[in-house]
Amino acid sequence: MDNKTAMTAKRLYSETEIRSALNEMARSLAARVSAQSQWVLVGIHRRGVPLARRFGCRFG
């Protein structure tokens, strides 16, 4: 792989920005579902599972 095609790492969001986005998504979801409803968080294994776990922690 030459220098023209090599990928470079770039941080898209800081840890604080990710935490804030997850909290906002959790608040939005909580406002849409009833306390009695049953639901499941599913993540694509490569990166989605850790994200789903972090998201799920917001619901205790």
N, C-alpha and C. Protein backbone atom coordinates (compact mmCIF):
# COMPACT_ATOMS: atom_id res chain seq x y z
N MET A 1 0.85 -1.16 0.00
CA MET A 1 0.00 0.00 0.00
C MET A 1 0.90 1.24 0.00
N ASP A 2 0.72 2.12 -0.95
CA ASP A 2 1.55 3.31 -0.99
C ASP A 2 0.94 4.44 -0.16
N ASN A 3 1.65 5.53 -0.06
CA ASN A 3 1.20 6.66 0.77
C ASN A 3 -0.12 7.27 0.29
N LYS A 4 -0.40 7.17 -1.00
CA LYS A 4 -1.63 7.76 -1.53
C LYS A 4 -2.86 6.97 -1.13
N THR A 5 -2.73 5.67 -0.92
CA THR A 5 -3.90 4.85 -0.60
C THR A 5 -3.96 4.46 0.87
N ALA A 6 -2.94 4.77 1.63
CA ALA A 6 -2.94 4.42 3.05
C ALA A 6 -4.01 5.22 3.79
N MET A 7 -4.71 4.56 4.68
CA MET A 7 -5.73 5.24 5.47
C MET A 7 -5.07 5.89 6.68
N THR A 8 -5.56 7.03 7.05
CA THR A 8 -5.06 7.69 8.24
C THR A 8 -6.16 7.70 9.29
N ALA A 9 -5.78 7.57 10.53
CA ALA A 9 -6.74 7.59 11.62
C ALA A 9 -7.18 9.02 11.88
N LYS A 10 -8.47 9.19 12.05
CA LYS A 10 -9.01 10.51 12.35
C LYS A 10 -10.11 10.36 13.39
N ARG A 11 -10.00 11.08 14.45
CA ARG A 11 -11.01 11.03 15.50
C ARG A 11 -12.20 11.88 15.06
N LEU A 12 -13.37 11.25 15.00
CA LEU A 12 -14.57 11.96 14.58
C LEU A 12 -15.27 12.64 15.74
N TYR A 13 -15.27 11.98 16.89
CA TYR A 13 -15.94 12.51 18.08
C TYR A 13 -15.07 12.26 19.30
N SER A 14 -15.12 13.17 20.23
CA SER A 14 -14.40 12.98 21.48
C SER A 14 -15.23 12.06 22.38
N GLU A 15 -14.62 11.57 23.45
CA GLU A 15 -15.35 10.73 24.40
C GLU A 15 -16.55 11.48 24.97
N THR A 16 -16.38 12.75 25.27
CA THR A 16 -17.47 13.57 25.81
C THR A 16 -18.60 13.71 24.80
N GLU A 17 -18.27 13.89 23.53
CA GLU A 17 -19.30 14.03 22.50
C GLU A 17 -20.06 12.72 22.30
N ILE A 18 -19.35 11.59 22.37
CA ILE A 18 -20.02 10.30 22.24
C ILE A 18 -20.95 10.06 23.43
N ARG A 19 -20.46 10.36 24.62
CA ARG A 19 -21.29 10.19 25.83
C ARG A 19 -22.55 11.05 25.73
N SER A 20 -22.39 12.27 25.29
CA SER A 20 -23.53 13.18 25.15
C SER A 20 -24.53 12.66 24.12
N ALA A 21 -24.04 12.16 22.99
CA ALA A 21 -24.92 11.63 21.96
C ALA A 21 -25.67 10.40 22.46
N LEU A 22 -24.97 9.50 23.18
CA LEU A 22 -25.63 8.31 23.73
C LEU A 22 -26.71 8.70 24.74
N ASN A 23 -26.41 9.66 25.58
CA ASN A 23 -27.39 10.11 26.56
C ASN A 23 -28.62 10.71 25.88
N GLU A 24 -28.42 11.48 24.82
CA GLU A 24 -29.54 12.07 24.10
C GLU A 24 -30.38 11.00 23.41
N MET A 25 -29.72 9.99 22.81
CA MET A 25 -30.46 8.89 22.19
C MET A 25 -31.26 8.12 23.24
N ALA A 26 -30.66 7.89 24.41
CA ALA A 26 -31.36 7.17 25.48
C ALA A 26 -32.58 7.96 25.95
N ARG A 27 -32.43 9.26 26.13
CA ARG A 27 -33.57 10.09 26.54
C ARG A 27 -34.68 10.04 25.49
N SER A 28 -34.30 10.12 24.23
CA SER A 28 -35.28 10.09 23.14
C SER A 28 -36.02 8.76 23.10
N LEU A 29 -35.29 7.66 23.24
CA LEU A 29 -35.93 6.34 23.23
C LEU A 29 -36.83 6.17 24.44
N ALA A 30 -36.38 6.58 25.60
CA ALA A 30 -37.17 6.45 26.82
C ALA A 30 -38.48 7.22 26.71
N ALA A 31 -38.46 8.34 26.01
CA ALA A 31 -39.67 9.14 25.84
C ALA A 31 -40.65 8.48 24.89
N ARG A 32 -40.19 7.56 24.04
CA ARG A 32 -41.04 6.93 23.03
C ARG A 32 -41.62 5.58 23.44
N VAL A 33 -41.02 4.92 24.41
CA VAL A 33 -41.50 3.58 24.79
C VAL A 33 -42.08 3.63 26.19
N SER A 34 -43.06 2.79 26.43
CA SER A 34 -43.66 2.75 27.76
C SER A 34 -42.79 1.91 28.69
N ALA A 35 -42.98 2.10 29.97
CA ALA A 35 -42.21 1.37 30.97
C ALA A 35 -42.52 -0.12 30.93
N GLN A 36 -43.72 -0.50 30.48
CA GLN A 36 -44.11 -1.90 30.45
C GLN A 36 -43.67 -2.62 29.17
N SER A 37 -43.24 -1.89 28.16
CA SER A 37 -42.89 -2.54 26.90
C SER A 37 -41.56 -3.29 27.02
N GLN A 38 -41.42 -4.32 26.24
CA GLN A 38 -40.18 -5.10 26.21
C GLN A 38 -39.48 -4.81 24.89
N TRP A 39 -38.18 -4.60 24.97
CA TRP A 39 -37.40 -4.34 23.77
C TRP A 39 -35.99 -4.86 23.94
N VAL A 40 -35.27 -4.99 22.85
CA VAL A 40 -33.94 -5.56 22.85
C VAL A 40 -33.01 -4.63 22.08
N LEU A 41 -31.81 -4.43 22.63
CA LEU A 41 -30.77 -3.69 21.91
C LEU A 41 -29.93 -4.68 21.13
N VAL A 42 -29.73 -4.44 19.86
CA VAL A 42 -28.94 -5.31 19.00
C VAL A 42 -27.84 -4.48 18.37
N GLY A 43 -26.63 -5.03 18.34
CA GLY A 43 -25.52 -4.32 17.70
C GLY A 43 -24.80 -5.24 16.73
N ILE A 44 -24.33 -4.68 15.64
CA ILE A 44 -23.50 -5.45 14.72
C ILE A 44 -22.21 -5.75 15.47
N HIS A 45 -21.80 -6.99 15.50
CA HIS A 45 -20.75 -7.44 16.39
C HIS A 45 -19.45 -6.64 16.29
N ARG A 46 -19.08 -6.22 15.14
CA ARG A 46 -17.78 -5.58 14.97
C ARG A 46 -17.61 -4.34 15.85
N ARG A 47 -18.52 -3.44 15.82
CA ARG A 47 -18.43 -2.24 16.66
C ARG A 47 -19.74 -1.95 17.39
N GLY A 48 -20.82 -2.53 16.91
CA GLY A 48 -22.13 -2.22 17.46
C GLY A 48 -22.41 -2.83 18.81
N VAL A 49 -21.81 -3.96 19.11
CA VAL A 49 -22.06 -4.60 20.41
C VAL A 49 -21.54 -3.74 21.56
N PRO A 50 -20.30 -3.27 21.52
CA PRO A 50 -19.86 -2.38 22.60
C PRO A 50 -20.71 -1.11 22.69
N LEU A 51 -21.13 -0.59 21.55
CA LEU A 51 -21.97 0.60 21.56
C LEU A 51 -23.33 0.29 22.16
N ALA A 52 -23.91 -0.86 21.81
CA ALA A 52 -25.19 -1.25 22.38
C ALA A 52 -25.09 -1.44 23.89
N ARG A 53 -23.97 -2.01 24.36
CA ARG A 53 -23.78 -2.17 25.81
C ARG A 53 -23.71 -0.81 26.51
N ARG A 54 -22.95 0.11 25.93
CA ARG A 54 -22.84 1.45 26.53
C ARG A 54 -24.21 2.13 26.54
N PHE A 55 -24.94 1.97 25.46
CA PHE A 55 -26.27 2.56 25.35
C PHE A 55 -27.22 1.91 26.37
N GLY A 56 -27.16 0.59 26.48
CA GLY A 56 -28.02 -0.14 27.41
C GLY A 56 -27.78 0.22 28.87
N CYS A 57 -26.56 0.60 29.22
CA CYS A 57 -26.24 0.99 30.59
C CYS A 57 -27.03 2.21 31.02
N ARG A 58 -27.45 3.02 30.07
CA ARG A 58 -28.20 4.21 30.41
C ARG A 58 -29.61 3.89 30.88
N PHE A 59 -30.05 2.64 30.66
CA PHE A 59 -31.38 2.22 31.08
C PHE A 59 -31.35 1.34 32.32
N GLY A 60 -30.14 1.07 32.84
CA GLY A 60 -29.99 0.29 34.07
C GLY A 60 -30.59 -1.01 33.97
